[in-house]
Amino acid sequence: MKQCHFCVNNVKSIDYKDTESLGKFLNPHSSILRSWRTNTCSRHQRKTATAVKRARFLGLLPYVSR
């Protein structure tokens, strides 16, 4: 079983301004990937989703891409 990326690397906070790392948790249509696809624990999945939503609101990430 794979480990959570954030737990293994001891990441303290997930920053909404870091769009390159948040892009790894989005599929090609810009929707947030599920935790079983990204292998993140539920705590970090919630924080990632919040960061993606904040970045979308500020225009740093797209809501939809085709």
N, C-alpha and C. Protein backbone atom coordinates (compact mmCIF):
# COMPACT_ATOMS: atom_id res chain seq x y z
N MET A 1 0.84 -1.19 0.00
CA MET A 1 0.00 0.00 0.00
C MET A 1 0.88 1.24 0.00
N LYS A 2 0.52 2.20 -0.83
CA LYS A 2 1.30 3.42 -0.94
C LYS A 2 0.99 4.36 0.22
N GLN A 3 1.95 5.22 0.51
CA GLN A 3 1.82 6.19 1.58
C GLN A 3 1.36 7.54 1.03
N CYS A 4 0.84 8.34 1.90
CA CYS A 4 0.44 9.70 1.53
C CYS A 4 1.68 10.52 1.20
N HIS A 5 1.63 11.24 0.08
CA HIS A 5 2.76 12.05 -0.38
C HIS A 5 3.12 13.12 0.66
N PHE A 6 2.14 13.73 1.26
CA PHE A 6 2.39 14.82 2.21
C PHE A 6 2.90 14.29 3.55
N CYS A 7 2.41 13.13 3.98
CA CYS A 7 2.87 12.56 5.24
C CYS A 7 4.32 12.07 5.13
N VAL A 8 4.66 11.44 4.01
CA VAL A 8 6.00 10.90 3.82
C VAL A 8 7.03 12.03 3.73
N ASN A 9 6.71 13.09 3.00
CA ASN A 9 7.64 14.20 2.81
C ASN A 9 7.56 15.25 3.91
N ASN A 10 6.74 15.02 4.91
CA ASN A 10 6.61 15.89 6.08
C ASN A 10 6.26 17.32 5.68
N VAL A 11 5.28 17.46 4.80
CA VAL A 11 4.81 18.77 4.34
C VAL A 11 3.90 19.36 5.41
N LYS A 12 4.21 20.57 5.85
CA LYS A 12 3.45 21.19 6.93
C LYS A 12 2.15 21.82 6.44
N SER A 13 2.23 22.53 5.30
CA SER A 13 1.03 23.18 4.80
C SER A 13 0.97 23.06 3.28
N ILE A 14 -0.24 23.08 2.75
CA ILE A 14 -0.47 23.01 1.32
C ILE A 14 -0.86 24.41 0.87
N ASP A 15 -0.02 25.02 0.04
CA ASP A 15 -0.19 26.41 -0.34
C ASP A 15 -1.00 26.53 -1.63
N TYR A 16 -2.00 27.38 -1.62
CA TYR A 16 -2.84 27.57 -2.80
C TYR A 16 -2.11 28.30 -3.92
N LYS A 17 -1.02 29.00 -3.59
CA LYS A 17 -0.26 29.75 -4.60
C LYS A 17 0.70 28.87 -5.38
N ASP A 18 0.94 27.65 -4.92
CA ASP A 18 1.84 26.72 -5.61
C ASP A 18 1.03 25.91 -6.61
N THR A 19 0.76 26.51 -7.76
CA THR A 19 -0.13 25.89 -8.74
C THR A 19 0.50 24.70 -9.44
N GLU A 20 1.83 24.64 -9.51
CA GLU A 20 2.48 23.51 -10.16
C GLU A 20 2.26 22.22 -9.38
N SER A 21 2.40 22.29 -8.07
CA SER A 21 2.19 21.07 -7.27
C SER A 21 0.70 20.73 -7.16
N LEU A 22 -0.16 21.74 -7.16
CA LEU A 22 -1.60 21.46 -7.11
C LEU A 22 -2.09 20.86 -8.42
N GLY A 23 -1.41 21.17 -9.52
CA GLY A 23 -1.79 20.62 -10.81
C GLY A 23 -1.64 19.11 -10.88
N LYS A 24 -0.82 18.54 -10.03
CA LYS A 24 -0.65 17.09 -9.99
C LYS A 24 -1.88 16.38 -9.44
N PHE A 25 -2.72 17.11 -8.75
CA PHE A 25 -3.92 16.54 -8.14
C PHE A 25 -5.17 16.84 -8.95
N LEU A 26 -4.99 17.31 -10.19
CA LEU A 26 -6.10 17.59 -11.09
C LEU A 26 -5.98 16.69 -12.32
N ASN A 27 -7.12 16.28 -12.86
CA ASN A 27 -7.09 15.50 -14.10
C ASN A 27 -7.04 16.46 -15.29
N PRO A 28 -6.93 15.96 -16.52
CA PRO A 28 -6.83 16.87 -17.68
C PRO A 28 -8.03 17.81 -17.86
N HIS A 29 -9.17 17.49 -17.28
CA HIS A 29 -10.34 18.35 -17.36
C HIS A 29 -10.42 19.31 -16.17
N SER A 30 -9.37 19.35 -15.37
CA SER A 30 -9.22 20.24 -14.21
C SER A 30 -10.15 19.93 -13.05
N SER A 31 -10.61 18.70 -12.93
CA SER A 31 -11.37 18.34 -11.73
C SER A 31 -10.44 17.63 -10.75
N ILE A 32 -10.74 17.75 -9.48
CA ILE A 32 -9.88 17.21 -8.43
C ILE A 32 -9.95 15.69 -8.44
N LEU A 33 -8.77 15.06 -8.41
CA LEU A 33 -8.71 13.60 -8.40
C LEU A 33 -9.07 13.06 -7.02
N ARG A 34 -9.59 11.86 -6.98
CA ARG A 34 -9.97 11.21 -5.74
C ARG A 34 -8.73 10.80 -4.94
N SER A 35 -8.91 10.59 -3.65
CA SER A 35 -7.77 10.26 -2.80
C SER A 35 -7.18 8.89 -3.12
N TRP A 36 -7.99 7.96 -3.60
CA TRP A 36 -7.43 6.65 -3.93
C TRP A 36 -6.61 6.70 -5.20
N ARG A 37 -6.80 7.73 -6.03
CA ARG A 37 -5.97 7.89 -7.23
C ARG A 37 -4.65 8.60 -6.89
N THR A 38 -4.70 9.54 -5.98
CA THR A 38 -3.51 10.32 -5.64
C THR A 38 -2.78 9.75 -4.43
N ASN A 39 -3.37 8.78 -3.76
CA ASN A 39 -2.78 8.14 -2.57
C ASN A 39 -2.51 9.15 -1.46
N THR A 40 -3.48 9.99 -1.18
CA THR A 40 -3.37 10.92 -0.07
C THR A 40 -4.32 10.50 1.03
N CYS A 41 -3.94 10.81 2.27
CA CYS A 41 -4.83 10.50 3.39
C CYS A 41 -5.99 11.49 3.38
N SER A 42 -7.02 11.21 4.13
CA SER A 42 -8.22 12.04 4.09
C SER A 42 -7.95 13.46 4.58
N ARG A 43 -7.08 13.61 5.55
CA ARG A 43 -6.76 14.93 6.08
C ARG A 43 -6.11 15.80 5.01
N HIS A 44 -5.12 15.25 4.32
CA HIS A 44 -4.43 16.02 3.29
C HIS A 44 -5.27 16.16 2.02
N GLN A 45 -6.17 15.23 1.78
CA GLN A 45 -7.08 15.36 0.63
C GLN A 45 -8.01 16.56 0.84
N ARG A 46 -8.49 16.74 2.05
CA ARG A 46 -9.34 17.90 2.35
C ARG A 46 -8.57 19.20 2.19
N LYS A 47 -7.33 19.22 2.68
CA LYS A 47 -6.52 20.43 2.57
C LYS A 47 -6.17 20.74 1.12
N THR A 48 -5.91 19.70 0.33
CA THR A 48 -5.62 19.88 -1.08
C THR A 48 -6.84 20.43 -1.81
N ALA A 49 -8.01 19.90 -1.52
CA ALA A 49 -9.24 20.36 -2.15
C ALA A 49 -9.50 21.82 -1.81
N THR A 50 -9.27 22.20 -0.58
CA THR A 50 -9.46 23.59 -0.17
C THR A 50 -8.49 24.51 -0.90
N ALA A 51 -7.24 24.07 -1.02
CA ALA A 51 -6.23 24.89 -1.71
C ALA A 51 -6.57 25.03 -3.19
N VAL A 52 -7.05 23.97 -3.82
CA VAL A 52 -7.43 24.04 -5.23
C VAL A 52 -8.61 24.99 -5.41
N LYS A 53 -9.58 24.91 -4.53
CA LYS A 53 -10.75 25.78 -4.63
C LYS A 53 -10.38 27.24 -4.43
N ARG A 54 -9.45 27.52 -3.53
CA ARG A 54 -8.99 28.90 -3.33
C ARG A 54 -8.25 29.41 -4.56
N ALA A 55 -7.40 28.56 -5.13
CA ALA A 55 -6.65 28.95 -6.31
C ALA A 55 -7.59 29.19 -7.50
N ARG A 56 -8.64 28.40 -7.60
CA ARG A 56 -9.62 28.61 -8.66
C ARG A 56 -10.34 29.93 -8.49
N PHE A 57 -10.72 30.25 -7.26
CA PHE A 57 -11.45 31.48 -6.98
C PHE A 57 -10.61 32.70 -7.33
N LEU A 58 -9.31 32.63 -7.09
CA LEU A 58 -8.42 33.76 -7.38
C LEU A 58 -7.93 33.78 -8.82
N GLY A 59 -8.33 32.78 -9.60
CA GLY A 59 -7.95 32.75 -11.00
C GLY A 59 -6.60 32.14 -11.28
N LEU A 60 -5.99 31.47 -10.31
CA LEU A 60 -4.69 30.84 -10.52
C LEU A 60 -4.81 29.50 -11.22
N LEU A 61 -5.94 28.81 -11.01
CA LEU A 61 -6.22 27.54 -11.67
C LEU A 61 -7.56 27.65 -12.38
N PRO A 62 -7.73 26.95 -13.50
CA PRO A 62 -9.02 27.01 -14.20
C PRO A 62 -10.06 26.11 -13.52
N TYR A 63 -11.31 26.49 -13.66
CA TYR A 63 -12.40 25.62 -13.21
C TYR A 63 -12.58 24.44 -14.17
N VAL A 64 -12.52 24.72 -15.47
CA VAL A 64 -12.70 23.70 -16.49
C VAL A 64 -11.69 23.97 -17.60
N SER A 65 -11.06 22.92 -18.09
CA SER A 65 -10.21 23.07 -19.27
C SER A 65 -10.55 21.96 -20.25
N ARG A 66 -10.54 22.29 -21.49
CA ARG A 66 -10.88 21.30 -22.53
C ARG A 66 -9.68 20.99 -23.37
